[in-house]
N, C-alpha and C. Protein backbone atom coordinates (compact mmCIF):
# COMPACT_ATOMS: atom_id res chain seq x y z
N UNK A 1 -20.15 15.56 -5.42
CA UNK A 1 -18.51 16.04 -4.86
C UNK A 1 -17.85 15.87 -5.99
N UNK A 2 -17.09 16.95 -6.50
CA UNK A 2 -16.34 16.86 -7.58
C UNK A 2 -14.73 17.02 -7.08
N UNK A 3 -14.37 15.97 -7.13
CA UNK A 3 -12.52 16.09 -6.55
C UNK A 3 -11.55 16.12 -7.71
N UNK A 4 -10.60 16.86 -7.43
CA UNK A 4 -9.37 16.70 -8.23
C UNK A 4 -8.23 16.79 -7.55
N UNK A 5 -7.38 16.06 -8.07
CA UNK A 5 -6.13 15.57 -7.54
C UNK A 5 -5.08 16.73 -7.71
N UNK A 6 -4.47 17.40 -6.83
CA UNK A 6 -3.45 18.51 -7.08
C UNK A 6 -2.12 17.63 -7.20
N UNK A 7 -1.03 18.03 -8.00
CA UNK A 7 -0.01 17.46 -7.89
C UNK A 7 0.99 17.59 -6.87
N UNK A 8 0.67 17.31 -5.67
CA UNK A 8 1.34 17.11 -4.32
C UNK A 8 1.22 15.84 -3.73
N UNK A 9 2.09 15.18 -3.35
CA UNK A 9 2.18 13.84 -2.74
C UNK A 9 3.27 13.89 -1.78
N UNK A 10 2.95 13.33 -0.34
CA UNK A 10 3.98 13.06 0.39
C UNK A 10 4.02 11.68 0.97
N UNK A 11 5.11 10.81 1.06
CA UNK A 11 5.18 9.67 1.52
C UNK A 11 5.28 9.79 2.91
N UNK A 12 4.82 8.87 3.72
CA UNK A 12 5.08 8.74 5.02
C UNK A 12 4.93 7.17 5.31
N UNK A 13 5.09 7.18 6.75
CA UNK A 13 5.27 5.56 6.99
C UNK A 13 3.74 4.94 7.03
N UNK A 14 2.98 5.70 6.91
CA UNK A 14 1.55 5.40 6.69
C UNK A 14 0.93 5.08 5.47
N UNK A 15 1.85 5.56 4.24
CA UNK A 15 1.30 5.50 2.89
C UNK A 15 1.51 6.90 2.20
N UNK A 16 1.10 7.27 1.17
CA UNK A 16 1.03 8.48 0.60
C UNK A 16 0.00 9.46 0.89
N UNK A 17 0.20 10.71 1.00
CA UNK A 17 -0.77 11.93 1.14
C UNK A 17 -1.16 12.22 -0.05
N UNK A 18 -2.41 12.52 -0.11
CA UNK A 18 -2.82 13.15 -1.68
C UNK A 18 -3.41 14.47 -1.17
N UNK A 19 -2.88 15.66 -1.60
CA UNK A 19 -3.67 16.82 -1.46
C UNK A 19 -4.60 16.95 -2.49
N UNK A 20 -5.99 16.82 -2.01
CA UNK A 20 -7.24 17.10 -2.87
C UNK A 20 -7.82 18.58 -2.69
N UNK A 21 -8.29 18.85 -3.91
CA UNK A 21 -9.04 20.06 -3.89
C UNK A 21 -10.54 19.91 -4.55
N UNK A 22 -11.57 20.57 -3.88
CA UNK A 22 -12.60 20.17 -4.44
C UNK A 22 -13.17 21.80 -5.08
N UNK A 23 -14.12 21.63 -5.90
CA UNK A 23 -14.63 22.81 -6.53
C UNK A 23 -15.12 23.97 -5.34
N UNK A 24 -15.84 23.48 -4.42
CA UNK A 24 -16.69 24.12 -3.38
C UNK A 24 -16.23 23.67 -1.92
N UNK A 25 -16.33 24.64 -0.97
CA UNK A 25 -15.92 24.21 0.27
C UNK A 25 -16.85 23.21 0.87
N UNK A 26 -16.33 22.09 1.43
CA UNK A 26 -17.15 20.99 1.96
C UNK A 26 -16.66 20.56 3.42
N UNK A 27 -17.64 20.40 4.13
CA UNK A 27 -17.36 19.81 5.48
C UNK A 27 -16.50 18.41 5.69
N UNK A 28 -15.70 18.41 6.74
CA UNK A 28 -15.18 17.06 6.82
C UNK A 28 -14.35 17.32 8.44
N UNK A 29 -14.00 15.94 8.73
CA UNK A 29 -13.34 16.05 10.22
C UNK A 29 -12.09 15.73 10.05
N UNK A 30 -11.32 16.56 10.61
CA UNK A 30 -9.53 16.44 10.65
C UNK A 30 -9.30 15.48 11.59
N UNK A 31 -8.48 14.29 10.88
CA UNK A 31 -8.11 13.20 11.87
C UNK A 31 -7.08 13.55 12.73
N UNK A 32 -6.00 14.51 12.40
CA UNK A 32 -4.99 14.87 13.32
C UNK A 32 -5.47 15.89 14.42
N UNK A 33 -5.87 17.08 14.13
CA UNK A 33 -6.25 17.91 14.95
C UNK A 33 -7.58 18.00 15.65
N UNK A 34 -8.49 16.70 15.11
CA UNK A 34 -9.85 16.50 15.60
C UNK A 34 -10.59 17.55 15.60
N UNK A 35 -10.75 18.02 14.74
CA UNK A 35 -11.83 19.52 14.69
C UNK A 35 -12.52 19.49 13.23
N UNK A 36 -13.68 19.59 13.27
CA UNK A 36 -14.73 19.82 12.19
C UNK A 36 -14.01 21.06 11.36
N UNK A 37 -13.97 20.90 9.95
CA UNK A 37 -13.61 21.86 9.03
C UNK A 37 -14.37 22.23 8.05
N UNK A 38 -14.16 23.23 7.20
CA UNK A 38 -14.96 23.26 5.88
C UNK A 38 -13.94 24.06 5.14
N UNK A 39 -13.56 23.21 3.90
CA UNK A 39 -12.47 23.85 2.96
C UNK A 39 -12.85 23.23 1.95
N UNK A 40 -11.93 23.74 0.97
CA UNK A 40 -11.68 23.36 -0.61
C UNK A 40 -10.64 22.26 -0.58
N UNK A 41 -9.61 22.37 0.50
CA UNK A 41 -8.44 21.77 0.45
C UNK A 41 -8.27 20.74 1.30
N UNK A 42 -7.92 19.71 1.25
CA UNK A 42 -7.49 18.79 2.28
C UNK A 42 -6.62 17.55 1.82
N UNK A 43 -5.98 16.79 2.73
CA UNK A 43 -5.07 15.66 2.33
C UNK A 43 -5.71 14.43 2.84
N UNK A 44 -5.60 13.45 1.89
CA UNK A 44 -6.11 12.13 2.38
C UNK A 44 -5.24 11.05 2.18
N UNK A 45 -5.49 9.91 2.55
CA UNK A 45 -4.46 8.84 2.45
C UNK A 45 -5.30 7.63 3.12
N UNK A 46 -4.79 6.40 2.32
CA UNK A 46 -5.49 5.07 2.58
C UNK A 46 -4.76 4.40 3.60
N UNK A 47 -5.35 3.95 4.74
CA UNK A 47 -4.65 3.22 5.96
C UNK A 47 -5.47 1.83 6.07
N UNK A 48 -4.77 0.92 6.79
CA UNK A 48 -5.47 -0.34 7.03
C UNK A 48 -6.80 -0.10 7.71
N UNK A 49 -6.89 0.82 8.45
CA UNK A 49 -8.20 1.43 9.03
C UNK A 49 -9.22 2.15 8.26
N UNK A 50 -8.85 2.42 6.95
CA UNK A 50 -9.57 2.93 6.15
C UNK A 50 -8.98 4.50 5.78
N UNK A 51 -9.90 5.23 4.82
CA UNK A 51 -9.27 6.57 4.69
C UNK A 51 -9.30 7.48 5.39
N UNK A 52 -8.13 8.33 5.69
CA UNK A 52 -7.94 9.23 6.65
C UNK A 52 -7.99 10.82 6.07
N UNK A 53 -8.32 11.68 6.82
CA UNK A 53 -8.43 12.95 6.03
C UNK A 53 -8.02 14.06 7.20
N UNK A 54 -6.97 14.81 6.62
CA UNK A 54 -6.35 15.85 7.59
C UNK A 54 -6.60 17.32 6.89
N UNK A 55 -6.64 18.42 7.72
CA UNK A 55 -6.73 19.68 7.11
C UNK A 55 -5.55 20.17 6.21
N UNK A 56 -5.47 21.29 5.64
CA UNK A 56 -4.35 21.81 4.94
C UNK A 56 -3.36 22.18 5.83
N UNK A 57 -3.91 22.71 7.11
CA UNK A 57 -2.82 23.28 8.36
C UNK A 57 -2.17 22.08 8.58
N UNK A 58 -2.87 21.01 9.01
CA UNK A 58 -1.96 19.72 9.68
C UNK A 58 -1.13 19.28 8.52
N UNK A 59 -1.56 19.25 7.25
CA UNK A 59 -0.76 18.57 6.24
C UNK A 59 0.69 19.68 6.02
N UNK A 60 0.32 20.84 6.07
CA UNK A 60 1.58 21.74 6.07
C UNK A 60 2.47 21.72 7.02
N UNK A 61 1.97 21.27 8.26
CA UNK A 61 2.95 21.15 9.46
C UNK A 61 3.64 19.88 9.43
N UNK A 62 3.06 18.86 8.88
CA UNK A 62 3.71 17.44 8.84
C UNK A 62 4.98 17.67 7.64
N UNK A 63 4.47 18.47 6.61
CA UNK A 63 5.25 18.62 5.62
C UNK A 63 6.29 19.45 5.80
N UNK A 64 6.26 20.40 6.71
CA UNK A 64 7.58 21.26 7.08
C UNK A 64 8.18 20.19 8.16
N UNK A 65 7.74 19.53 9.11
CA UNK A 65 8.42 18.90 9.93
C UNK A 65 9.22 17.61 9.31
N UNK A 66 8.81 17.16 8.20
CA UNK A 66 9.55 16.05 7.58
C UNK A 66 10.69 16.78 6.59
N UNK A 67 10.41 18.06 6.30
CA UNK A 67 11.55 18.90 5.51
C UNK A 67 12.53 19.65 6.32
N UNK A 68 12.22 19.38 7.94
CA UNK A 68 13.03 20.31 8.88
C UNK A 68 12.88 21.50 8.97
N UNK A 69 11.71 22.05 8.58
CA UNK A 69 11.54 23.33 8.69
C UNK A 69 10.22 23.92 9.95
N UNK A 70 9.94 22.77 10.49
CA UNK A 70 9.05 22.85 11.60
C UNK A 70 9.49 23.57 12.67
N UNK A 71 8.80 24.66 13.50
CA UNK A 71 9.36 25.37 14.58
C UNK A 71 9.01 24.78 16.05
């Protein structure tokens, strides 16, 4: 699995989100929406309970909520 870190970070109460892009679409489980996903793009962050992964859609929603753009 070849990961490359995209230049996007978002601080939150739980730490920094890192938006990660892989070369090929890979399956993962989104911690926030509790759905099995397959994508090249995902957000990850380290917590006391371990690494958490969320899908790009959930990341975008949290980012827009943080900037006051969520509907």
